[in-house]
Amino acid sequence: WKAEPSTDSAAVDVECMSHTGLSNHRGFRRMCTSFAMVV
C-alpha cells in the first residue's frame, strides 16, 4: 500500500491512519522530496 503523494503532509498522515484502521498495519516509511533549479 502507498499513500497518494501530496504537498500536504497532513493529508498523507490521514491516509496512513486510515490504512492502519483497516489493516492494523502500524509501520510506514515516510519520504519528503524537494526539488531545486540551479542556474
All heavy atoms as atom14 arrays in JSON, in Angstrom:
{
  "sequence": "WKAEPSTDSAAVDVECMSHTGLSNHRGFRRMCTSFAMVV",
  "atom14_mask": [
    [1, 1, 1, 1, 1, 1, 1, 1, 1, 1, 1, 1, 1, 1],
    [1, 1, 1, 1, 1, 1, 1, 1, 1, 0, 0, 0, 0, 0],
    [1, 1, 1, 1, 1, 0, 0, 0, 0, 0, 0, 0, 0, 0],
    [1, 1, 1, 1, 1, 1, 1, 1, 1, 0, 0, 0, 0, 0],
    [1, 1, 1, 1, 1, 1, 1, 0, 0, 0, 0, 0, 0, 0],
    [1, 1, 1, 1, 1, 1, 0, 0, 0, 0, 0, 0, 0, 0],
    [1, 1, 1, 1, 1, 1, 1, 0, 0, 0, 0, 0, 0, 0],
    [1, 1, 1, 1, 1, 1, 1, 1, 0, 0, 0, 0, 0, 0],
    [1, 1, 1, 1, 1, 1, 0, 0, 0, 0, 0, 0, 0, 0],
    [1, 1, 1, 1, 1, 0, 0, 0, 0, 0, 0, 0, 0, 0],
    [1, 1, 1, 1, 1, 0, 0, 0, 0, 0, 0, 0, 0, 0],
    [1, 1, 1, 1, 1, 1, 1, 0, 0, 0, 0, 0, 0, 0],
    [1, 1, 1, 1, 1, 1, 1, 1, 0, 0, 0, 0, 0, 0],
    [1, 1, 1, 1, 1, 1, 1, 0, 0, 0, 0, 0, 0, 0],
    [1, 1, 1, 1, 1, 1, 1, 1, 1, 0, 0, 0, 0, 0],
    [1, 1, 1, 1, 1, 1, 0, 0, 0, 0, 0, 0, 0, 0],
    [1, 1, 1, 1, 1, 1, 1, 1, 0, 0, 0, 0, 0, 0],
    [1, 1, 1, 1, 1, 1, 0, 0, 0, 0, 0, 0, 0, 0],
    [1, 1, 1, 1, 1, 1, 1, 1, 1, 1, 0, 0, 0, 0],
    [1, 1, 1, 1, 1, 1, 1, 0, 0, 0, 0, 0, 0, 0],
    [1, 1, 1, 1, 0, 0, 0, 0, 0, 0, 0, 0, 0, 0],
    [1, 1, 1, 1, 1, 1, 1, 1, 0, 0, 0, 0, 0, 0],
    [1, 1, 1, 1, 1, 1, 0, 0, 0, 0, 0, 0, 0, 0],
    [1, 1, 1, 1, 1, 1, 1, 1, 0, 0, 0, 0, 0, 0],
    [1, 1, 1, 1, 1, 1, 1, 1, 1, 1, 0, 0, 0, 0],
    [1, 1, 1, 1, 1, 1, 1, 1, 1, 1, 1, 0, 0, 0],
    [1, 1, 1, 1, 0, 0, 0, 0, 0, 0, 0, 0, 0, 0],
    [1, 1, 1, 1, 1, 1, 1, 1, 1, 1, 1, 0, 0, 0],
    [1, 1, 1, 1, 1, 1, 1, 1, 1, 1, 1, 0, 0, 0],
    [1, 1, 1, 1, 1, 1, 1, 1, 1, 1, 1, 0, 0, 0],
    [1, 1, 1, 1, 1, 1, 1, 1, 0, 0, 0, 0, 0, 0],
    [1, 1, 1, 1, 1, 1, 0, 0, 0, 0, 0, 0, 0, 0],
    [1, 1, 1, 1, 1, 1, 1, 0, 0, 0, 0, 0, 0, 0],
    [1, 1, 1, 1, 1, 1, 0, 0, 0, 0, 0, 0, 0, 0],
    [1, 1, 1, 1, 1, 1, 1, 1, 1, 1, 1, 0, 0, 0],
    [1, 1, 1, 1, 1, 0, 0, 0, 0, 0, 0, 0, 0, 0],
    [1, 1, 1, 1, 1, 1, 1, 1, 0, 0, 0, 0, 0, 0],
    [1, 1, 1, 1, 1, 1, 1, 0, 0, 0, 0, 0, 0, 0],
    [1, 1, 1, 1, 1, 1, 1, 0, 0, 0, 0, 0, 0, 0]
  ],
  "atom14_positions": [
    [[0.84, -1.2, 0.0], [0.0, 0.0, 0.0], [0.87, 1.25, 0.0], [1.9, 1.32, 0.66], [-0.91, -0.01, 1.24], [-1.75, 1.21, 1.35], [-2.98, 1.41, 0.8], [-1.42, 2.42, 2.04], [-3.44, 2.67, 1.1], [-2.49, 3.31, 1.86], [-0.33, 2.85, 2.77], [-2.5, 4.58, 2.4], [-0.33, 4.13, 3.3], [-1.41, 4.97, 3.12]],
    [[0.43, 2.28, -0.73], [1.12, 3.58, -0.75], [0.09, 4.69, -0.67], [-0.98, 4.61, -1.29], [1.92, 3.76, -2.05], [3.1, 2.82, -2.15], [3.9, 3.1, -3.4], [5.08, 2.14, -3.49], [5.93, 2.42, -4.64], [0.0, 0.0, 0.0], [0.0, 0.0, 0.0], [0.0, 0.0, 0.0], [0.0, 0.0, 0.0], [0.0, 0.0, 0.0]],
    [[0.43, 5.73, 0.06], [-0.42, 6.92, 0.12], [-0.28, 7.7, -1.17], [0.76, 7.65, -1.84], [-0.03, 7.79, 1.31], [0.0, 0.0, 0.0], [0.0, 0.0, 0.0], [0.0, 0.0, 0.0], [0.0, 0.0, 0.0], [0.0, 0.0, 0.0], [0.0, 0.0, 0.0], [0.0, 0.0, 0.0], [0.0, 0.0, 0.0], [0.0, 0.0, 0.0]],
    [[-1.29, 8.44, -1.51], [-1.24, 9.33, -2.67], [-0.26, 10.47, -2.36], [-0.38, 11.13, -1.33], [-2.64, 9.91, -2.93], [-2.76, 10.74, -4.17], [-2.69, 9.92, -5.44], [-3.1, 8.76, -5.43], [-2.21, 10.47, -6.44], [0.0, 0.0, 0.0], [0.0, 0.0, 0.0], [0.0, 0.0, 0.0], [0.0, 0.0, 0.0], [0.0, 0.0, 0.0]],
    [[0.75, 10.69, -3.19], [1.69, 11.78, -2.94], [0.96, 13.12, -2.86], [-0.03, 13.34, -3.57], [2.62, 11.75, -4.16], [2.52, 10.35, -4.67], [1.11, 9.93, -4.4], [0.0, 0.0, 0.0], [0.0, 0.0, 0.0], [0.0, 0.0, 0.0], [0.0, 0.0, 0.0], [0.0, 0.0, 0.0], [0.0, 0.0, 0.0], [0.0, 0.0, 0.0]],
    [[1.43, 14.0, -1.97], [0.75, 15.27, -1.76], [1.75, 16.33, -1.3], [2.79, 16.0, -0.72], [-0.33, 15.1, -0.69], [-0.95, 16.33, -0.4], [0.0, 0.0, 0.0], [0.0, 0.0, 0.0], [0.0, 0.0, 0.0], [0.0, 0.0, 0.0], [0.0, 0.0, 0.0], [0.0, 0.0, 0.0], [0.0, 0.0, 0.0], [0.0, 0.0, 0.0]],
    [[1.4, 17.57, -1.53], [2.21, 18.67, -0.98], [1.79, 18.98, 0.45], [2.41, 19.79, 1.12], [2.06, 19.94, -1.85], [0.67, 20.28, -1.94], [2.62, 19.71, -3.25], [0.0, 0.0, 0.0], [0.0, 0.0, 0.0], [0.0, 0.0, 0.0], [0.0, 0.0, 0.0], [0.0, 0.0, 0.0], [0.0, 0.0, 0.0], [0.0, 0.0, 0.0]],
    [[0.76, 18.31, 0.93], [0.25, 18.49, 2.3], [0.6, 17.25, 3.13], [0.04, 16.17, 2.91], [-1.26, 18.68, 2.24], [-1.91, 18.87, 3.59], [-1.2, 18.96, 4.61], [-3.16, 18.92, 3.63], [0.0, 0.0, 0.0], [0.0, 0.0, 0.0], [0.0, 0.0, 0.0], [0.0, 0.0, 0.0], [0.0, 0.0, 0.0], [0.0, 0.0, 0.0]],
    [[1.52, 17.4, 4.07], [1.95, 16.26, 4.88], [0.81, 15.69, 5.72], [0.74, 14.48, 5.94], [3.13, 16.64, 5.78], [2.75, 17.62, 6.73], [0.0, 0.0, 0.0], [0.0, 0.0, 0.0], [0.0, 0.0, 0.0], [0.0, 0.0, 0.0], [0.0, 0.0, 0.0], [0.0, 0.0, 0.0], [0.0, 0.0, 0.0], [0.0, 0.0, 0.0]],
    [[-0.1, 16.54, 6.17], [-1.22, 16.08, 7.0], [-2.13, 15.15, 6.2], [-2.66, 14.18, 6.75], [-2.0, 17.27, 7.55], [0.0, 0.0, 0.0], [0.0, 0.0, 0.0], [0.0, 0.0, 0.0], [0.0, 0.0, 0.0], [0.0, 0.0, 0.0], [0.0, 0.0, 0.0], [0.0, 0.0, 0.0], [0.0, 0.0, 0.0], [0.0, 0.0, 0.0]],
    [[-2.31, 15.43, 4.92], [-3.16, 14.57, 4.08], [-2.57, 13.17, 3.98], [-3.31, 12.17, 4.03], [-3.32, 15.18, 2.69], [0.0, 0.0, 0.0], [0.0, 0.0, 0.0], [0.0, 0.0, 0.0], [0.0, 0.0, 0.0], [0.0, 0.0, 0.0], [0.0, 0.0, 0.0], [0.0, 0.0, 0.0], [0.0, 0.0, 0.0], [0.0, 0.0, 0.0]],
    [[-1.25, 13.08, 3.87], [-0.58, 11.78, 3.81], [-0.73, 11.06, 5.15], [-0.99, 9.86, 5.19], [0.9, 11.94, 3.4], [1.65, 10.63, 3.5], [1.0, 12.49, 1.98], [0.0, 0.0, 0.0], [0.0, 0.0, 0.0], [0.0, 0.0, 0.0], [0.0, 0.0, 0.0], [0.0, 0.0, 0.0], [0.0, 0.0, 0.0], [0.0, 0.0, 0.0]],
    [[-0.58, 11.79, 6.24], [-0.74, 11.19, 7.57], [-2.15, 10.63, 7.76], [-2.32, 9.55, 8.32], [-0.44, 12.21, 8.66], [1.03, 12.57, 8.74], [1.87, 11.84, 8.17], [1.35, 13.59, 9.38], [0.0, 0.0, 0.0], [0.0, 0.0, 0.0], [0.0, 0.0, 0.0], [0.0, 0.0, 0.0], [0.0, 0.0, 0.0], [0.0, 0.0, 0.0]],
    [[-3.16, 11.34, 7.29], [-4.55, 10.88, 7.4], [-4.74, 9.59, 6.62], [-5.39, 8.65, 7.09], [-5.54, 11.97, 6.94], [-6.94, 11.41, 6.76], [-5.55, 13.13, 7.92], [0.0, 0.0, 0.0], [0.0, 0.0, 0.0], [0.0, 0.0, 0.0], [0.0, 0.0, 0.0], [0.0, 0.0, 0.0], [0.0, 0.0, 0.0], [0.0, 0.0, 0.0]],
    [[-4.16, 9.51, 5.42], [-4.25, 8.26, 4.65], [-3.6, 7.11, 5.39], [-4.11, 5.99, 5.39], [-3.58, 8.44, 3.28], [-4.42, 9.22, 2.3], [-3.9, 9.06, 0.89], [-3.81, 7.92, 0.41], [-3.58, 10.09, 0.29], [0.0, 0.0, 0.0], [0.0, 0.0, 0.0], [0.0, 0.0, 0.0], [0.0, 0.0, 0.0], [0.0, 0.0, 0.0]],
    [[-2.45, 7.36, 6.03], [-1.77, 6.31, 6.8], [-2.64, 5.85, 7.97], [-2.74, 4.65, 8.23], [-0.42, 6.81, 7.32], [0.82, 7.04, 6.04], [0.0, 0.0, 0.0], [0.0, 0.0, 0.0], [0.0, 0.0, 0.0], [0.0, 0.0, 0.0], [0.0, 0.0, 0.0], [0.0, 0.0, 0.0], [0.0, 0.0, 0.0], [0.0, 0.0, 0.0]],
    [[-3.27, 6.8, 8.65], [-4.13, 6.44, 9.78], [-5.33, 5.61, 9.31], [-5.73, 4.66, 9.97], [-4.59, 7.68, 10.52], [-3.47, 8.32, 11.33], [-3.99, 9.7, 12.35], [-4.17, 10.99, 11.14], [0.0, 0.0, 0.0], [0.0, 0.0, 0.0], [0.0, 0.0, 0.0], [0.0, 0.0, 0.0], [0.0, 0.0, 0.0], [0.0, 0.0, 0.0]],
    [[-5.87, 5.96, 8.14], [-6.98, 5.18, 7.59], [-6.53, 3.76, 7.25], [-7.25, 2.79, 7.54], [-7.53, 5.85, 6.33], [-8.12, 7.08, 6.65], [0.0, 0.0, 0.0], [0.0, 0.0, 0.0], [0.0, 0.0, 0.0], [0.0, 0.0, 0.0], [0.0, 0.0, 0.0], [0.0, 0.0, 0.0], [0.0, 0.0, 0.0], [0.0, 0.0, 0.0]],
    [[-5.35, 3.62, 6.65], [-4.83, 2.29, 6.31], [-4.6, 1.48, 7.58], [-4.95, 0.29, 7.62], [-3.53, 2.42, 5.52], [-2.93, 1.09, 5.15], [-3.48, 0.28, 4.18], [-1.84, 0.43, 5.62], [-2.76, -0.82, 4.08], [-1.75, -0.77, 4.94], [0.0, 0.0, 0.0], [0.0, 0.0, 0.0], [0.0, 0.0, 0.0], [0.0, 0.0, 0.0]],
    [[-4.08, 2.1, 8.63], [-3.85, 1.41, 9.9], [-5.16, 0.89, 10.47], [-5.24, -0.24, 10.93], [-3.17, 2.35, 10.91], [-1.88, 2.68, 10.42], [-3.03, 1.73, 12.27], [0.0, 0.0, 0.0], [0.0, 0.0, 0.0], [0.0, 0.0, 0.0], [0.0, 0.0, 0.0], [0.0, 0.0, 0.0], [0.0, 0.0, 0.0], [0.0, 0.0, 0.0]],
    [[-6.2, 1.72, 10.42], [-7.5, 1.32, 10.94], [-8.1, 0.15, 10.19], [-8.78, -0.69, 10.78], [0.0, 0.0, 0.0], [0.0, 0.0, 0.0], [0.0, 0.0, 0.0], [0.0, 0.0, 0.0], [0.0, 0.0, 0.0], [0.0, 0.0, 0.0], [0.0, 0.0, 0.0], [0.0, 0.0, 0.0], [0.0, 0.0, 0.0], [0.0, 0.0, 0.0]],
    [[-7.85, 0.07, 8.89], [-8.42, -1.01, 8.08], [-7.61, -2.29, 8.13], [-8.15, -3.39, 8.03], [-8.53, -0.55, 6.61], [-9.49, 0.6, 6.34], [-9.34, 1.07, 4.89], [-10.93, 0.17, 6.61], [0.0, 0.0, 0.0], [0.0, 0.0, 0.0], [0.0, 0.0, 0.0], [0.0, 0.0, 0.0], [0.0, 0.0, 0.0], [0.0, 0.0, 0.0]],
    [[-6.29, -2.17, 8.29], [-5.42, -3.34, 8.15], [-4.67, -3.72, 9.42], [-4.08, -4.79, 9.49], [-4.38, -3.07, 7.06], [-3.54, -2.0, 7.47], [0.0, 0.0, 0.0], [0.0, 0.0, 0.0], [0.0, 0.0, 0.0], [0.0, 0.0, 0.0], [0.0, 0.0, 0.0], [0.0, 0.0, 0.0], [0.0, 0.0, 0.0], [0.0, 0.0, 0.0]],
    [[-4.65, -2.82, 10.4], [-3.87, -2.96, 11.63], [-2.36, -2.97, 11.34], [-1.57, -3.38, 12.17], [-4.28, -4.21, 12.42], [-3.9, -4.09, 13.89], [-3.86, -2.99, 14.45], [-3.61, -5.2, 14.53], [0.0, 0.0, 0.0], [0.0, 0.0, 0.0], [0.0, 0.0, 0.0], [0.0, 0.0, 0.0], [0.0, 0.0, 0.0], [0.0, 0.0, 0.0]],
    [[-1.96, -2.51, 10.17], [-0.53, -2.33, 9.85], [-0.11, -0.99, 10.45], [-0.72, 0.03, 10.17], [-0.3, -2.32, 8.34], [-0.6, -3.62, 7.68], [-0.7, -3.75, 6.32], [-0.83, -4.86, 8.2], [-0.97, -5.0, 6.02], [-1.06, -5.7, 7.15], [0.0, 0.0, 0.0], [0.0, 0.0, 0.0], [0.0, 0.0, 0.0], [0.0, 0.0, 0.0]],
    [[0.93, -0.98, 11.25], [1.29, 0.22, 12.0], [2.61, 0.85, 11.61], [2.97, 1.89, 12.14], [1.3, -0.1, 13.49], [-0.07, -0.53, 13.96], [-0.07, -0.85, 15.42], [-1.4, -1.32, 15.79], [-1.72, -1.73, 16.98], [-0.81, -1.78, 17.93], [-2.94, -2.12, 17.23], [0.0, 0.0, 0.0], [0.0, 0.0, 0.0], [0.0, 0.0, 0.0]],
    [[3.36, 0.23, 10.71], [4.66, 0.78, 10.33], [4.62, 1.37, 8.93], [4.14, 0.73, 7.99], [0.0, 0.0, 0.0], [0.0, 0.0, 0.0], [0.0, 0.0, 0.0], [0.0, 0.0, 0.0], [0.0, 0.0, 0.0], [0.0, 0.0, 0.0], [0.0, 0.0, 0.0], [0.0, 0.0, 0.0], [0.0, 0.0, 0.0], [0.0, 0.0, 0.0]],
    [[5.13, 2.58, 8.78], [5.15, 3.25, 7.49], [6.51, 3.87, 7.24], [7.18, 4.33, 8.16], [4.1, 4.38, 7.44], [2.7, 3.88, 7.56], [2.1, 3.76, 8.81], [1.99, 3.49, 6.45], [0.82, 3.28, 8.93], [0.7, 3.0, 6.56], [0.11, 2.9, 7.8], [0.0, 0.0, 0.0], [0.0, 0.0, 0.0], [0.0, 0.0, 0.0]],
    [[6.91, 3.88, 6.0], [8.1, 4.6, 5.56], [7.6, 5.91, 4.97], [6.75, 5.92, 4.08], [8.85, 3.79, 4.51], [10.06, 4.51, 3.97], [10.84, 3.56, 3.03], [11.94, 4.27, 2.46], [12.05, 4.57, 1.17], [11.12, 4.18, 0.32], [13.09, 5.23, 0.72], [0.0, 0.0, 0.0], [0.0, 0.0, 0.0], [0.0, 0.0, 0.0]],
    [[8.1, 7.04, 5.5], [7.67, 8.34, 5.0], [8.82, 9.01, 4.27], [9.96, 8.92, 4.7], [7.17, 9.21, 6.15], [5.95, 8.64, 6.77], [5.41, 9.37, 7.98], [5.99, 10.64, 8.27], [5.33, 11.64, 8.84], [4.07, 11.49, 9.15], [5.93, 12.76, 9.11], [0.0, 0.0, 0.0], [0.0, 0.0, 0.0], [0.0, 0.0, 0.0]],
    [[8.5, 9.67, 3.17], [9.5, 10.35, 2.37], [9.05, 11.79, 2.12], [7.87, 12.05, 1.94], [9.68, 9.67, 1.0], [10.34, 8.32, 0.99], [9.32, 6.85, 1.21], [7.86, 7.06, 0.32], [0.0, 0.0, 0.0], [0.0, 0.0, 0.0], [0.0, 0.0, 0.0], [0.0, 0.0, 0.0], [0.0, 0.0, 0.0], [0.0, 0.0, 0.0]],
    [[10.01, 12.67, 2.1], [9.77, 14.07, 1.76], [10.79, 14.44, 0.69], [11.99, 14.31, 0.9], [9.93, 14.94, 3.0], [9.69, 16.68, 2.65], [0.0, 0.0, 0.0], [0.0, 0.0, 0.0], [0.0, 0.0, 0.0], [0.0, 0.0, 0.0], [0.0, 0.0, 0.0], [0.0, 0.0, 0.0], [0.0, 0.0, 0.0], [0.0, 0.0, 0.0]],
    [[10.29, 14.88, -0.45], [11.17, 15.18, -1.58], [11.03, 16.65, -1.95], [9.92, 17.16, -2.05], [10.79, 14.32, -2.81], [10.79, 12.96, -2.42], [11.76, 14.53, -3.95], [0.0, 0.0, 0.0], [0.0, 0.0, 0.0], [0.0, 0.0, 0.0], [0.0, 0.0, 0.0], [0.0, 0.0, 0.0], [0.0, 0.0, 0.0], [0.0, 0.0, 0.0]],
    [[12.15, 17.3, -2.14], [12.12, 18.68, -2.62], [12.94, 18.76, -3.91], [13.82, 17.93, -4.15], [12.67, 19.64, -1.57], [14.03, 19.39, -1.33], [0.0, 0.0, 0.0], [0.0, 0.0, 0.0], [0.0, 0.0, 0.0], [0.0, 0.0, 0.0], [0.0, 0.0, 0.0], [0.0, 0.0, 0.0], [0.0, 0.0, 0.0], [0.0, 0.0, 0.0]],
    [[12.65, 19.74, -4.72], [13.34, 19.94, -5.98], [13.93, 21.33, -6.0], [13.36, 22.26, -5.45], [12.38, 19.76, -7.16], [11.82, 18.38, -7.25], [10.61, 18.06, -6.67], [12.52, 17.38, -7.91], [10.09, 16.77, -6.75], [12.02, 16.1, -8.0], [10.8, 15.81, -7.4], [0.0, 0.0, 0.0], [0.0, 0.0, 0.0], [0.0, 0.0, 0.0]],
    [[15.06, 21.47, -6.66], [15.71, 22.77, -6.79], [16.17, 22.96, -8.23], [16.6, 22.01, -8.88], [16.9, 22.87, -5.84], [0.0, 0.0, 0.0], [0.0, 0.0, 0.0], [0.0, 0.0, 0.0], [0.0, 0.0, 0.0], [0.0, 0.0, 0.0], [0.0, 0.0, 0.0], [0.0, 0.0, 0.0], [0.0, 0.0, 0.0], [0.0, 0.0, 0.0]],
    [[16.07, 24.17, -8.69], [16.6, 24.53, -10.01], [17.89, 25.3, -9.75], [17.9, 26.23, -8.95], [15.61, 25.42, -10.76], [14.27, 24.78, -11.02], [14.16, 23.81, -12.51], [14.72, 24.86, -13.76], [0.0, 0.0, 0.0], [0.0, 0.0, 0.0], [0.0, 0.0, 0.0], [0.0, 0.0, 0.0], [0.0, 0.0, 0.0], [0.0, 0.0, 0.0]],
    [[18.94, 24.89, -10.4], [20.24, 25.54, -10.22], [20.66, 26.18, -11.53], [20.62, 25.55, -12.58], [21.3, 24.51, -9.76], [22.66, 25.16, -9.61], [20.86, 23.84, -8.48], [0.0, 0.0, 0.0], [0.0, 0.0, 0.0], [0.0, 0.0, 0.0], [0.0, 0.0, 0.0], [0.0, 0.0, 0.0], [0.0, 0.0, 0.0], [0.0, 0.0, 0.0]],
    [[21.03, 27.46, -11.45], [21.48, 28.18, -12.63], [22.92, 28.6, -12.38], [23.25, 29.2, -11.35], [20.6, 29.43, -12.88], [21.12, 30.21, -14.1], [19.15, 29.02, -13.07], [0.0, 0.0, 0.0], [0.0, 0.0, 0.0], [0.0, 0.0, 0.0], [0.0, 0.0, 0.0], [0.0, 0.0, 0.0], [0.0, 0.0, 0.0], [0.0, 0.0, 0.0]]
  ]
}
